[in-house]
Amino acid sequence: MCAIDIPGKSVDGHREIVDAIGQLKSDLDDRHAENVTRHAVTDRKVDEAIRRIDDLHKAFPDGDWDGHRRYHEAIIRKAEDRAQFYRELRGEMAKKGLWAVVVVLGLALWAWFKARINS
C-alpha cells in the first residue's frame, strides 16, 4: 500500500489501519470468489436434478404418473386374487379328495362285508 497524502495531515501513523483494511478486502475478495464457485456448483447440481426429474417424468406413458401407479396396483391386485384363488382351490381339492377316499374306503368295506356274508 502506498501512503496517502492529505494536505495538512500525516497518515503515516495510520498505515497499520490501511494495511488491515487492505488485508480485510483481500480476504473478502477470496471469500466472495469461493462463494461464487460454490454457487456455480450448486446451480449445476440443481440443473442436473431438474434434468433427471424431467427424464423420469418422460418415462411414464403420456407423463401419467397416477395412471402408471394404478396400472401397478391392478397388476398387484390381480396377482393377489390369483394366489387367493389357488389357495381356495387347493383347500377344496383337499376336502373333495378326502371325501373321495372316505367313499372309496366305505365302498371297499361294503364290498368286503358283502363278500364275507355271501360266502
PDB file of N, CA and C in Angstrom:
ATOM      1  N   MET A   1       0.847  -1.167   0.000  1.00  0.00           N
ATOM      2  CA  MET A   1       0.000   0.000   0.000  1.00  0.00           C
ATOM      3  C   MET A   1       0.898   1.237   0.000  1.00  0.00           C
ATOM      4  N   CYS A   2       0.411   2.258  -0.623  1.00  0.00           N
ATOM      5  CA  CYS A   2       1.194   3.497  -0.647  1.00  0.00           C
ATOM      6  C   CYS A   2       0.593   4.475   0.353  1.00  0.00           C
ATOM      7  N   ALA A   3       1.417   5.371   0.817  1.00  0.00           N
ATOM      8  CA  ALA A   3       0.947   6.366   1.790  1.00  0.00           C
ATOM      9  C   ALA A   3       0.053   7.365   1.077  1.00  0.00           C
ATOM     10  N   ILE A   4      -1.018   7.777   1.754  1.00  0.00           N
ATOM     11  CA  ILE A   4      -1.961   8.730   1.187  1.00  0.00           C
ATOM     12  C   ILE A   4      -1.584  10.102   1.722  1.00  0.00           C
ATOM     13  N   ASP A   5      -1.443  11.043   0.815  1.00  0.00           N
ATOM     14  CA  ASP A   5      -1.091  12.414   1.217  1.00  0.00           C
ATOM     15  C   ASP A   5      -2.338  13.265   1.257  1.00  0.00           C
ATOM     16  N   ILE A   6      -2.675  13.747   2.431  1.00  0.00           N
ATOM     17  CA  ILE A   6      -3.779  14.677   2.595  1.00  0.00           C
ATOM     18  C   ILE A   6      -3.144  15.962   3.092  1.00  0.00           C
ATOM     19  N   PRO A   7      -3.401  17.078   2.422  1.00  0.00           N
ATOM     20  CA  PRO A   7      -2.758  18.331   2.831  1.00  0.00           C
ATOM     21  C   PRO A   7      -3.044  18.641   4.303  1.00  0.00           C
ATOM     22  N   GLY A   8      -2.013  18.896   5.043  1.00  0.00           N
ATOM     23  CA  GLY A   8      -2.133  19.259   6.443  1.00  0.00           C
ATOM     24  C   GLY A   8      -2.293  18.067   7.364  1.00  0.00           C
ATOM     25  N   LYS A   9      -2.297  16.901   6.854  1.00  0.00           N
ATOM     26  CA  LYS A   9      -2.466  15.704   7.681  1.00  0.00           C
ATOM     27  C   LYS A   9      -1.358  14.727   7.363  1.00  0.00           C
ATOM     28  N   SER A  10      -0.958  13.960   8.330  1.00  0.00           N
ATOM     29  CA  SER A  10       0.023  12.899   8.138  1.00  0.00           C
ATOM     30  C   SER A  10      -0.681  11.572   8.396  1.00  0.00           C
ATOM     31  N   VAL A  11      -0.658  10.693   7.404  1.00  0.00           N
ATOM     32  CA  VAL A  11      -1.336   9.408   7.542  1.00  0.00           C
ATOM     33  C   VAL A  11      -0.361   8.272   7.760  1.00  0.00           C
ATOM     34  N   ASP A  12       0.919   8.599   7.920  1.00  0.00           N
ATOM     35  CA  ASP A  12       1.909   7.546   8.117  1.00  0.00           C
ATOM     36  C   ASP A  12       1.607   6.751   9.388  1.00  0.00           C
ATOM     37  N   GLY A  13       1.047   7.357  10.395  1.00  0.00           N
ATOM     38  CA  GLY A  13       0.715   6.668  11.633  1.00  0.00           C
ATOM     39  C   GLY A  13      -0.469   5.736  11.469  1.00  0.00           C
ATOM     40  N   HIS A  14      -1.217   5.879  10.417  1.00  0.00           N
ATOM     41  CA  HIS A  14      -2.402   5.076  10.182  1.00  0.00           C
ATOM     42  C   HIS A  14      -2.150   3.955   9.158  1.00  0.00           C
ATOM     43  N   ARG A  15      -0.893   3.723   8.833  1.00  0.00           N
ATOM     44  CA  ARG A  15      -0.539   2.707   7.856  1.00  0.00           C
ATOM     45  C   ARG A  15      -1.057   1.340   8.291  1.00  0.00           C
ATOM     46  N   GLU A  16      -0.998   1.042   9.580  1.00  0.00           N
ATOM     47  CA  GLU A  16      -1.470  -0.248  10.072  1.00  0.00           C
ATOM     48  C   GLU A  16      -2.967  -0.429   9.778  1.00  0.00           C
ATOM     49  N   ILE A  17      -3.712   0.662   9.961  1.00  0.00           N
ATOM     50  CA  ILE A  17      -5.151   0.588   9.696  1.00  0.00           C
ATOM     51  C   ILE A  17      -5.403   0.375   8.203  1.00  0.00           C
ATOM     52  N   VAL A  18      -4.679   1.111   7.381  1.00  0.00           N
ATOM     53  CA  VAL A  18      -4.831   0.982   5.930  1.00  0.00           C
ATOM     54  C   VAL A  18      -4.446  -0.422   5.491  1.00  0.00           C
ATOM     55  N   ASP A  19      -3.356  -0.957   6.056  1.00  0.00           N
ATOM     56  CA  ASP A  19      -2.929  -2.318   5.708  1.00  0.00           C
ATOM     57  C   ASP A  19      -3.974  -3.351   6.159  1.00  0.00           C
ATOM     58  N   ALA A  20      -4.537  -3.148   7.370  1.00  0.00           N
ATOM     59  CA  ALA A  20      -5.557  -4.072   7.881  1.00  0.00           C
ATOM     60  C   ALA A  20      -6.792  -4.045   6.987  1.00  0.00           C
ATOM     61  N   ILE A  21      -7.196  -2.849   6.551  1.00  0.00           N
ATOM     62  CA  ILE A  21      -8.349  -2.731   5.653  1.00  0.00           C
ATOM     63  C   ILE A  21      -8.044  -3.401   4.322  1.00  0.00           C
ATOM     64  N   GLY A  22      -6.843  -3.233   3.817  1.00  0.00           N
ATOM     65  CA  GLY A  22      -6.434  -3.882   2.569  1.00  0.00           C
ATOM     66  C   GLY A  22      -6.458  -5.401   2.700  1.00  0.00           C
ATOM     67  N   GLN A  23      -5.960  -5.894   3.832  1.00  0.00           N
ATOM     68  CA  GLN A  23      -5.974  -7.343   4.073  1.00  0.00           C
ATOM     69  C   GLN A  23      -7.419  -7.856   4.179  1.00  0.00           C
ATOM     70  N   LEU A  24      -8.270  -7.104   4.863  1.00  0.00           N
ATOM     71  CA  LEU A  24      -9.676  -7.464   5.002  1.00  0.00           C
ATOM     72  C   LEU A  24     -10.351  -7.520   3.633  1.00  0.00           C
ATOM     73  N   LYS A  25     -10.041  -6.531   2.783  1.00  0.00           N
ATOM     74  CA  LYS A  25     -10.607  -6.525   1.430  1.00  0.00           C
ATOM     75  C   LYS A  25     -10.136  -7.745   0.646  1.00  0.00           C
ATOM     76  N   SER A  26      -8.877  -8.079   0.768  1.00  0.00           N
ATOM     77  CA  SER A  26      -8.342  -9.247   0.071  1.00  0.00           C
ATOM     78  C   SER A  26      -9.032 -10.523   0.566  1.00  0.00           C
ATOM     79  N   ASP A  27      -9.213 -10.616   1.892  1.00  0.00           N
ATOM     80  CA  ASP A  27      -9.886 -11.786   2.469  1.00  0.00           C
ATOM     81  C   ASP A  27     -11.335 -11.869   1.981  1.00  0.00           C
ATOM     82  N   LEU A  28     -12.034 -10.744   1.951  1.00  0.00           N
ATOM     83  CA  LEU A  28     -13.419 -10.719   1.473  1.00  0.00           C
ATOM     84  C   LEU A  28     -13.490 -11.091  -0.009  1.00  0.00           C
ATOM     85  N   ASP A  29     -12.524 -10.629  -0.802  1.00  0.00           N
ATOM     86  CA  ASP A  29     -12.492 -11.000  -2.217  1.00  0.00           C
ATOM     87  C   ASP A  29     -12.327 -12.512  -2.387  1.00  0.00           C
ATOM     88  N   ASP A  30     -11.437 -13.103  -1.552  1.00  0.00           N
ATOM     89  CA  ASP A  30     -11.239 -14.560  -1.615  1.00  0.00           C
ATOM     90  C   ASP A  30     -12.523 -15.301  -1.243  1.00  0.00           C
ATOM     91  N   ARG A  31     -13.163 -14.845  -0.182  1.00  0.00           N
ATOM     92  CA  ARG A  31     -14.399 -15.495   0.259  1.00  0.00           C
ATOM     93  C   ARG A  31     -15.500 -15.343  -0.793  1.00  0.00           C
ATOM     94  N   HIS A  32     -15.553 -14.182  -1.415  1.00  0.00           N
ATOM     95  CA  HIS A  32     -16.556 -13.953  -2.457  1.00  0.00           C
ATOM     96  C   HIS A  32     -16.327 -14.919  -3.624  1.00  0.00           C
ATOM     97  N   ALA A  33     -15.075 -15.056  -4.040  1.00  0.00           N
ATOM     98  CA  ALA A  33     -14.761 -15.973  -5.138  1.00  0.00           C
ATOM     99  C   ALA A  33     -15.144 -17.401  -4.755  1.00  0.00           C
ATOM    100  N   GLU A  34     -14.884 -17.771  -3.499  1.00  0.00           N
ATOM    101  CA  GLU A  34     -15.241 -19.101  -3.004  1.00  0.00           C
ATOM    102  C   GLU A  34     -16.758 -19.298  -3.040  1.00  0.00           C
ATOM    103  N   ASN A  35     -17.502 -18.282  -2.602  1.00  0.00           N
ATOM    104  CA  ASN A  35     -18.968 -18.371  -2.610  1.00  0.00           C
ATOM    105  C   ASN A  35     -19.524 -18.444  -4.024  1.00  0.00           C
ATOM    106  N   VAL A  36     -18.925 -17.686  -4.934  1.00  0.00           N
ATOM    107  CA  VAL A  36     -19.374 -17.721  -6.332  1.00  0.00           C
ATOM    108  C   VAL A  36     -19.146 -19.119  -6.901  1.00  0.00           C
ATOM    109  N   THR A  37     -18.005 -19.728  -6.567  1.00  0.00           N
ATOM    110  CA  THR A  37     -17.709 -21.077  -7.046  1.00  0.00           C
ATOM    111  C   THR A  37     -18.708 -22.075  -6.468  1.00  0.00           C
ATOM    112  N   ARG A  38     -18.969 -21.965  -5.167  1.00  0.00           N
ATOM    113  CA  ARG A  38     -19.950 -22.859  -4.542  1.00  0.00           C
ATOM    114  C   ARG A  38     -21.330 -22.675  -5.167  1.00  0.00           C
ATOM    115  N   HIS A  39     -21.679 -21.432  -5.424  1.00  0.00           N
ATOM    116  CA  HIS A  39     -22.985 -21.144  -6.031  1.00  0.00           C
ATOM    117  C   HIS A  39     -23.073 -21.781  -7.424  1.00  0.00           C
ATOM    118  N   ALA A  40     -22.002 -21.699  -8.187  1.00  0.00           N
ATOM    119  CA  ALA A  40     -21.993 -22.291  -9.528  1.00  0.00           C
ATOM    120  C   ALA A  40     -22.132 -23.810  -9.443  1.00  0.00           C
ATOM    121  N   VAL A  41     -21.436 -24.424  -8.482  1.00  0.00           N
ATOM    122  CA  VAL A  41     -21.527 -25.878  -8.303  1.00  0.00           C
ATOM    123  C   VAL A  41     -22.951 -26.257  -7.908  1.00  0.00           C
ATOM    124  N   THR A  42     -23.542 -25.498  -6.993  1.00  0.00           N
ATOM    125  CA  THR A  42     -24.910 -25.760  -6.562  1.00  0.00           C
ATOM    126  C   THR A  42     -25.875 -25.609  -7.730  1.00  0.00           C
ATOM    127  N   ASP A  43     -25.684 -24.575  -8.535  1.00  0.00           N
ATOM    128  CA  ASP A  43     -26.542 -24.386  -9.715  1.00  0.00           C
ATOM    129  C   ASP A  43     -26.455 -25.574 -10.665  1.00  0.00           C
ATOM    130  N   ARG A  44     -25.245 -26.075 -10.882  1.00  0.00           N
ATOM    131  CA  ARG A  44     -25.081 -27.233 -11.768  1.00  0.00           C
ATOM    132  C   ARG A  44     -25.790 -28.455 -11.193  1.00  0.00           C
ATOM    133  N   LYS A  45     -25.673 -28.650  -9.879  1.00  0.00           N
ATOM    134  CA  LYS A  45     -26.327 -29.804  -9.248  1.00  0.00           C
ATOM    135  C   LYS A  45     -27.854 -29.679  -9.332  1.00  0.00           C
ATOM    136  N   VAL A  46     -28.375 -28.493  -9.121  1.00  0.00           N
ATOM    137  CA  VAL A  46     -29.825 -28.281  -9.210  1.00  0.00           C
ATOM    138  C   VAL A  46     -30.286 -28.504 -10.655  1.00  0.00           C
ATOM    139  N   ASP A  47     -29.534 -27.978 -11.615  1.00  0.00           N
ATOM    140  CA  ASP A  47     -29.892 -28.191 -13.025  1.00  0.00           C
ATOM    141  C   ASP A  47     -29.898 -29.678 -13.369  1.00  0.00           C
ATOM    142  N   GLU A  48     -28.910 -30.429 -12.858  1.00  0.00           N
ATOM    143  CA  GLU A  48     -28.846 -31.874 -13.100  1.00  0.00           C
ATOM    144  C   GLU A  48     -30.040 -32.585 -12.461  1.00  0.00           C
ATOM    145  N   ALA A  49     -30.398 -32.185 -11.252  1.00  0.00           N
ATOM    146  CA  ALA A  49     -31.556 -32.795 -10.578  1.00  0.00           C
ATOM    147  C   ALA A  49     -32.837 -32.518 -11.366  1.00  0.00           C
ATOM    148  N   ILE A  50     -32.997 -31.310 -11.841  1.00  0.00           N
ATOM    149  CA  ILE A  50     -34.181 -30.957 -12.632  1.00  0.00           C
ATOM    150  C   ILE A  50     -34.211 -31.771 -13.925  1.00  0.00           C
ATOM    151  N   ARG A  51     -33.061 -31.916 -14.572  1.00  0.00           N
ATOM    152  CA  ARG A  51     -32.984 -32.706 -15.803  1.00  0.00           C
ATOM    153  C   ARG A  51     -33.377 -34.153 -15.536  1.00  0.00           C
ATOM    154  N   ARG A  52     -32.893 -34.705 -14.429  1.00  0.00           N
ATOM    155  CA  ARG A  52     -33.219 -36.098 -14.107  1.00  0.00           C
ATOM    156  C   ARG A  52     -34.711 -36.258 -13.796  1.00  0.00           C
ATOM    157  N   ILE A  53     -35.280 -35.306 -13.109  1.00  0.00           N
ATOM    158  CA  ILE A  53     -36.712 -35.366 -12.814  1.00  0.00           C
ATOM    159  C   ILE A  53     -37.514 -35.274 -14.108  1.00  0.00           C
ATOM    160  N   ASP A  54     -37.074 -34.395 -15.010  1.00  0.00           N
ATOM    161  CA  ASP A  54     -37.754 -34.297 -16.312  1.00  0.00           C
ATOM    162  C   ASP A  54     -37.648 -35.613 -17.080  1.00  0.00           C
ATOM    163  N   ASP A  55     -36.455 -36.249 -17.050  1.00  0.00           N
ATOM    164  CA  ASP A  55     -36.278 -37.535 -17.719  1.00  0.00           C
ATOM    165  C   ASP A  55     -37.168 -38.601 -17.080  1.00  0.00           C
ATOM    166  N   LEU A  56     -37.270 -38.576 -15.763  1.00  0.00           N
ATOM    167  CA  LEU A  56     -38.128 -39.527 -15.062  1.00  0.00           C
ATOM    168  C   LEU A  56     -39.582 -39.323 -15.461  1.00  0.00           C
ATOM    169  N   HIS A  57     -39.991 -38.079 -15.564  1.00  0.00           N
ATOM    170  CA  HIS A  57     -41.370 -37.763 -15.949  1.00  0.00           C
ATOM    171  C   HIS A  57     -41.661 -38.287 -17.360  1.00  0.00           C
ATOM    172  N   LYS A  58     -40.672 -38.214 -18.242  1.00  0.00           N
ATOM    173  CA  LYS A  58     -40.862 -38.702 -19.613  1.00  0.00           C
ATOM    174  C   LYS A  58     -40.970 -40.222 -19.670  1.00  0.00           C
ATOM    175  N   ALA A  59     -40.509 -40.907 -18.621  1.00  0.00           N
ATOM    176  CA  ALA A  59     -40.512 -42.372 -18.619  1.00  0.00           C
ATOM    177  C   ALA A  59     -41.916 -42.941 -18.484  1.00  0.00           C
ATOM    178  N   PHE A  60     -42.866 -42.152 -18.037  1.00  0.00           N
ATOM    179  CA  PHE A  60     -44.234 -42.629 -17.856  1.00  0.00           C
ATOM    180  C   PHE A  60     -45.041 -42.346 -19.113  1.00  0.00           C
ATOM    181  N   PRO A  61     -45.894 -43.302 -19.499  1.00  0.00           N
ATOM    182  CA  PRO A  61     -46.699 -43.091 -20.705  1.00  0.00           C
ATOM    183  C   PRO A  61     -47.530 -41.812 -20.597  1.00  0.00           C
ATOM    184  N   ASP A  62     -47.369 -40.951 -21.549  1.00  0.00           N
ATOM    185  CA  ASP A  62     -48.066 -39.657 -21.594  1.00  0.00           C
ATOM    186  C   ASP A  62     -47.847 -38.835 -20.324  1.00  0.00           C
ATOM    187  N   GLY A  63     -46.757 -39.110 -19.618  1.00  0.00           N
ATOM    188  CA  GLY A  63     -46.456 -38.379 -18.387  1.00  0.00           C
ATOM    189  C   GLY A  63     -47.478 -38.631 -17.288  1.00  0.00           C
ATOM    190  N   ASP A  64     -48.182 -39.750 -17.379  1.00  0.00           N
ATOM    191  CA  ASP A  64     -49.267 -40.057 -16.441  1.00  0.00           C
ATOM    192  C   ASP A  64     -48.746 -40.885 -15.274  1.00  0.00           C
ATOM    193  N   TRP A  65     -48.267 -40.213 -14.250  1.00  0.00           N
ATOM    194  CA  TRP A  65     -47.725 -40.886 -13.066  1.00  0.00           C
ATOM    195  C   TRP A  65     -48.829 -41.658 -12.356  1.00  0.00           C
ATOM    196  N   ASP A  66     -49.994 -41.043 -12.226  1.00  0.00           N
ATOM    197  CA  ASP A  66     -51.091 -41.666 -11.499  1.00  0.00           C
ATOM    198  C   ASP A  66     -51.576 -42.910 -12.240  1.00  0.00           C
ATOM    199  N   GLY A  67     -51.677 -42.836 -13.548  1.00  0.00           N
ATOM    200  CA  GLY A  67     -52.086 -43.992 -14.345  1.00  0.00           C
ATOM    201  C   GLY A  67     -51.082 -45.132 -14.218  1.00  0.00           C
ATOM    202  N   HIS A  68     -49.816 -44.784 -14.172  1.00  0.00           N
ATOM    203  CA  HIS A  68     -48.760 -45.780 -14.010  1.00  0.00           C
ATOM    204  C   HIS A  68     -48.911 -46.479 -12.656  1.00  0.00           C
ATOM    205  N   ARG A  69     -49.188 -45.690 -11.619  1.00  0.00           N
ATOM    206  CA  ARG A  69     -49.394 -46.251 -10.278  1.00  0.00           C
ATOM    207  C   ARG A  69     -50.613 -47.165 -10.276  1.00  0.00           C
ATOM    208  N   ARG A  70     -51.715 -46.714 -10.896  1.00  0.00           N
ATOM    209  CA  ARG A  70     -52.927 -47.529 -10.944  1.00  0.00           C
ATOM    210  C   ARG A  70     -52.691 -48.838 -11.691  1.00  0.00           C
ATOM    211  N   TYR A  71     -51.903 -48.776 -12.760  1.00  0.00           N
ATOM    212  CA  TYR A  71     -51.564 -49.987 -13.516  1.00  0.00           C
ATOM    213  C   TYR A  71     -50.865 -50.996 -12.609  1.00  0.00           C
ATOM    214  N   HIS A  72     -49.871 -50.535 -11.876  1.00  0.00           N
ATOM    215  CA  HIS A  72     -49.146 -51.445 -10.986  1.00  0.00           C
ATOM    216  C   HIS A  72     -50.049 -51.962  -9.863  1.00  0.00           C
ATOM    217  N   GLU A  73     -50.923 -51.139  -9.345  1.00  0.00           N
ATOM    218  CA  GLU A  73     -51.865 -51.595  -8.320  1.00  0.00           C
ATOM    219  C   GLU A  73     -52.773 -52.684  -8.887  1.00  0.00           C
ATOM    220  N   ALA A  74     -53.213 -52.520 -10.143  1.00  0.00           N
ATOM    221  CA  ALA A  74     -54.077 -53.522 -10.774  1.00  0.00           C
ATOM    222  C   ALA A  74     -53.325 -54.842 -10.955  1.00  0.00           C
ATOM    223  N   ILE A  75     -52.067 -54.765 -11.362  1.00  0.00           N
ATOM    224  CA  ILE A  75     -51.249 -55.975 -11.531  1.00  0.00           C
ATOM    225  C   ILE A  75     -51.075 -56.682 -10.193  1.00  0.00           C
ATOM    226  N   ILE A  76     -50.802 -55.913  -9.151  1.00  0.00           N
ATOM    227  CA  ILE A  76     -50.633 -56.490  -7.810  1.00  0.00           C
ATOM    228  C   ILE A  76     -51.937 -57.128  -7.343  1.00  0.00           C
ATOM    229  N   ARG A  77     -53.046 -56.430  -7.535  1.00  0.00           N
ATOM    230  CA  ARG A  77     -54.357 -56.955  -7.138  1.00  0.00           C
ATOM    231  C   ARG A  77     -54.663 -58.253  -7.896  1.00  0.00           C
ATOM    232  N   LYS A  78     -54.341 -58.290  -9.182  1.00  0.00           N
ATOM    233  CA  LYS A  78     -54.574 -59.492  -9.984  1.00  0.00           C
ATOM    234  C   LYS A  78     -53.740 -60.661  -9.457  1.00  0.00           C
ATOM    235  N   ALA A  79     -52.498 -60.412  -9.105  1.00  0.00           N
ATOM    236  CA  ALA A  79     -51.635 -61.464  -8.562  1.00  0.00           C
ATOM    237  C   ALA A  79     -52.160 -61.954  -7.210  1.00  0.00           C
ATOM    238  N   GLU A  80     -52.635 -61.026  -6.383  1.00  0.00           N
ATOM    239  CA  GLU A  80     -53.188 -61.415  -5.085  1.00  0.00           C
ATOM    240  C   GLU A  80     -54.459 -62.241  -5.268  1.00  0.00           C
ATOM    241  N   ASP A  81     -55.323 -61.827  -6.207  1.00  0.00           N
ATOM    242  CA  ASP A  81     -56.553 -62.575  -6.473  1.00  0.00           C
ATOM    243  C   ASP A  81     -56.239 -63.984  -6.982  1.00  0.00           C
ATOM    244  N   ARG A  82     -55.253 -64.092  -7.852  1.00  0.00           N
ATOM    245  CA  ARG A  82     -54.864 -65.399  -8.387  1.00  0.00           C
ATOM    246  C   ARG A  82     -54.342 -66.295  -7.261  1.00  0.00           C
ATOM    247  N   ALA A  83     -53.513 -65.729  -6.382  1.00  0.00           N
ATOM    248  CA  ALA A  83     -52.982 -66.507  -5.259  1.00  0.00           C
ATOM    249  C   ALA A  83     -54.117 -66.984  -4.355  1.00  0.00           C
ATOM    250  N   GLN A  84     -55.080 -66.104  -4.086  1.00  0.00           N
ATOM    251  CA  GLN A  84     -56.224 -66.487  -3.254  1.00  0.00           C
ATOM    252  C   GLN A  84     -57.035 -67.583  -3.936  1.00  0.00           C
ATOM    253  N   PHE A  85     -57.251 -67.475  -5.246  1.00  0.00           N
ATOM    254  CA  PHE A  85     -57.998 -68.487  -5.996  1.00  0.00           C
ATOM    255  C   PHE A  85     -57.328 -69.863  -5.850  1.00  0.00           C
ATOM    256  N   TYR A  86     -56.017 -69.917  -6.048  1.00  0.00           N
ATOM    257  CA  TYR A  86     -55.321 -71.199  -5.958  1.00  0.00           C
ATOM    258  C   TYR A  86     -55.281 -71.740  -4.532  1.00  0.00           C
ATOM    259  N   ARG A  87     -55.213 -70.844  -3.536  1.00  0.00           N
ATOM    260  CA  ARG A  87     -55.300 -71.297  -2.138  1.00  0.00           C
ATOM    261  C   ARG A  87     -56.652 -71.953  -1.885  1.00  0.00           C
ATOM    262  N   GLU A  88     -57.732 -71.292  -2.320  1.00  0.00           N
ATOM    263  CA  GLU A  88     -59.079 -71.839  -2.141  1.00  0.00           C
ATOM    264  C   GLU A  88     -59.255 -73.128  -2.947  1.00  0.00           C
ATOM    265  N   LEU A  89     -58.710 -73.161  -4.151  1.00  0.00           N
ATOM    266  CA  LEU A  89     -58.805 -74.358  -4.991  1.00  0.00           C
ATOM    267  C   LEU A  89     -58.119 -75.541  -4.319  1.00  0.00           C
ATOM    268  N   ARG A  90     -56.936 -75.331  -3.777  1.00  0.00           N
ATOM    269  CA  ARG A  90     -56.226 -76.410  -3.087  1.00  0.00           C
ATOM    270  C   ARG A  90     -57.026 -76.891  -1.873  1.00  0.00           C
ATOM    271  N   GLY A  91     -57.627 -75.957  -1.148  1.00  0.00           N
ATOM    272  CA  GLY A  91     -58.451 -76.336   0.003  1.00  0.00           C
ATOM    273  C   GLY A  91     -59.633 -77.189  -0.415  1.00  0.00           C
ATOM    274  N   GLU A  92     -60.318 -76.756  -1.470  1.00  0.00           N
ATOM    275  CA  GLU A  92     -61.470 -77.516  -1.963  1.00  0.00           C
ATOM    276  C   GLU A  92     -61.049 -78.883  -2.484  1.00  0.00           C
ATOM    277  N   MET A  93     -59.945 -78.939  -3.205  1.00  0.00           N
ATOM    278  CA  MET A  93     -59.448 -80.216  -3.735  1.00  0.00           C
ATOM    279  C   MET A  93     -59.095 -81.157  -2.590  1.00  0.00           C
ATOM    280  N   ALA A  94     -58.512 -80.618  -1.537  1.00  0.00           N
ATOM    281  CA  ALA A  94     -58.165 -81.458  -0.388  1.00  0.00           C
ATOM    282  C   ALA A  94     -59.436 -82.012   0.270  1.00  0.00           C
ATOM    283  N   LYS A  95     -60.434 -81.140   0.436  1.00  0.00           N
ATOM    284  CA  LYS A  95     -61.693 -81.609   1.039  1.00  0.00           C
ATOM    285  C   LYS A  95     -62.353 -82.678   0.173  1.00  0.00           C
ATOM    286  N   LYS A  96     -62.464 -82.414  -1.102  1.00  0.00           N
ATOM    287  CA  LYS A  96     -63.122 -83.360  -2.010  1.00  0.00           C
ATOM    288  C   LYS A  96     -62.313 -84.644  -2.149  1.00  0.00           C
ATOM    289  N   GLY A  97     -61.005 -84.499  -2.140  1.00  0.00           N
ATOM    290  CA  GLY A  97     -60.149 -85.692  -2.207  1.00  0.00           C
ATOM    291  C   GLY A  97     -60.305 -86.544  -0.965  1.00  0.00           C
ATOM    292  N   LEU A  98     -60.412 -85.922   0.187  1.00  0.00           N
ATOM    293  CA  LEU A  98     -60.617 -86.658   1.427  1.00  0.00           C
ATOM    294  C   LEU A  98     -61.966 -87.380   1.394  1.00  0.00           C
ATOM    295  N   TRP A  99     -63.000 -86.694   0.898  1.00  0.00           N
ATOM    296  CA  TRP A  99     -64.313 -87.331   0.784  1.00  0.00           C
ATOM    297  C   TRP A  99     -64.255 -88.503  -0.203  1.00  0.00           C
ATOM    298  N   ALA A 100     -63.515 -88.336  -1.276  1.00  0.00           N
ATOM    299  CA  ALA A 100     -63.388 -89.420  -2.258  1.00  0.00           C
ATOM    300  C   ALA A 100     -62.715 -90.630  -1.617  1.00  0.00           C
ATOM    301  N   VAL A 101     -61.689 -90.404  -0.822  1.00  0.00           N
ATOM    302  CA  VAL A 101     -61.007 -91.503  -0.132  1.00  0.00           C
ATOM    303  C   VAL A 101     -61.969 -92.179   0.838  1.00  0.00           C
ATOM    304  N   VAL A 102     -62.741 -91.378   1.584  1.00  0.00           N
ATOM    305  CA  VAL A 102     -63.703 -91.951   2.541  1.00  0.00           C
ATOM    306  C   VAL A 102     -64.745 -92.787   1.800  1.00  0.00           C
ATOM    307  N   VAL A 103     -65.264 -92.282   0.681  1.00  0.00           N
ATOM    308  CA  VAL A 103     -66.275 -93.015  -0.092  1.00  0.00           C
ATOM    309  C   VAL A 103     -65.681 -94.302  -0.641  1.00  0.00           C
ATOM    310  N   VAL A 104     -64.481 -94.265  -1.204  1.00  0.00           N
ATOM    311  CA  VAL A 104     -63.847 -95.461  -1.770  1.00  0.00           C
ATOM    312  C   VAL A 104     -63.598 -96.473  -0.662  1.00  0.00           C
ATOM    313  N   LEU A 105     -63.109 -96.026   0.485  1.00  0.00           N
ATOM    314  CA  LEU A 105     -62.887 -96.941   1.601  1.00  0.00           C
ATOM    315  C   LEU A 105     -64.222 -97.538   2.078  1.00  0.00           C
ATOM    316  N   GLY A 106     -65.257 -96.692   2.128  1.00  0.00           N
ATOM    317  CA  GLY A 106     -66.585 -97.198   2.520  1.00  0.00           C
ATOM    318  C   GLY A 106     -67.088 -98.240   1.551  1.00  0.00           C
ATOM    319  N   LEU A 107     -66.934 -97.985   0.244  1.00  0.00           N
ATOM    320  CA  LEU A 107     -67.370 -98.962  -0.770  1.00  0.00           C
ATOM    321  C   LEU A 107     -66.543-100.234  -0.683  1.00  0.00           C
ATOM    322  N   ALA A 108     -65.254-100.077  -0.478  1.00  0.00           N
ATOM    323  CA  ALA A 108     -64.394-101.258  -0.352  1.00  0.00           C
ATOM    324  C   ALA A 108     -64.798-102.072   0.883  1.00  0.00           C
ATOM    325  N   LEU A 109     -65.078-101.382   1.982  1.00  0.00           N
ATOM    326  CA  LEU A 109     -65.504-102.058   3.207  1.00  0.00           C
ATOM    327  C   LEU A 109     -66.863-102.739   2.988  1.00  0.00           C
ATOM    328  N   TRP A 110     -67.760-102.070   2.301  1.00  0.00           N
ATOM    329  CA  TRP A 110     -69.079-102.623   1.995  1.00  0.00           C
ATOM    330  C   TRP A 110     -68.935-103.879   1.125  1.00  0.00           C
ATOM    331  N   ALA A 111     -68.072-103.770   0.100  1.00  0.00           N
ATOM    332  CA  ALA A 111     -67.853-104.927  -0.779  1.00  0.00           C
ATOM    333  C   ALA A 111     -67.228-106.077   0.008  1.00  0.00           C
ATOM    334  N   TRP A 112     -66.339-105.794   0.897  1.00  0.00           N
ATOM    335  CA  TRP A 112     -65.684-106.828   1.688  1.00  0.00           C
ATOM    336  C   TRP A 112     -66.707-107.525   2.598  1.00  0.00           C
ATOM    337  N   PHE A 113     -67.557-106.688   3.298  1.00  0.00           N
ATOM    338  CA  PHE A 113     -68.582-107.275   4.155  1.00  0.00           C
ATOM    339  C   PHE A 113     -69.572-108.123   3.338  1.00  0.00           C
ATOM    340  N   LYS A 114     -69.940-107.613   2.192  1.00  0.00           N
ATOM    341  CA  LYS A 114     -70.889-108.301   1.329  1.00  0.00           C
ATOM    342  C   LYS A 114     -70.311-109.650   0.887  1.00  0.00           C
ATOM    343  N   ALA A 115     -69.029-109.610   0.527  1.00  0.00           N
ATOM    344  CA  ALA A 115     -68.354-110.836   0.107  1.00  0.00           C
ATOM    345  C   ALA A 115     -68.252-111.797   1.265  1.00  0.00           C
ATOM    346  N   ARG A 116     -68.020-111.338   2.483  1.00  0.00           N
ATOM    347  CA  ARG A 116     -67.907-112.192   3.671  1.00  0.00           C
ATOM    348  C   ARG A 116     -69.257-112.816   4.003  1.00  0.00           C
ATOM    349  N   ILE A 117     -70.291-112.010   3.864  1.00  0.00           N
ATOM    350  CA  ILE A 117     -71.616-112.506   4.218  1.00  0.00           C
ATOM    351  C   ILE A 117     -72.073-113.519   3.163  1.00  0.00           C
ATOM    352  N   ASN A 118     -71.840-113.298   1.906  1.00  0.00           N
ATOM    353  CA  ASN A 118     -72.294-114.181   0.831  1.00  0.00           C
ATOM    354  C   ASN A 118     -71.437-115.457   0.738  1.00  0.00           C
ATOM    355  N   SER A 119     -70.318-115.504   1.362  1.00  0.00           N
ATOM    356  CA  SER A 119     -69.509-116.713   1.209  1.00  0.00           C
ATOM    357  C   SER A 119     -69.710-117.706   2.296  1.00  0.00           C
TER     358      SER A 119
END
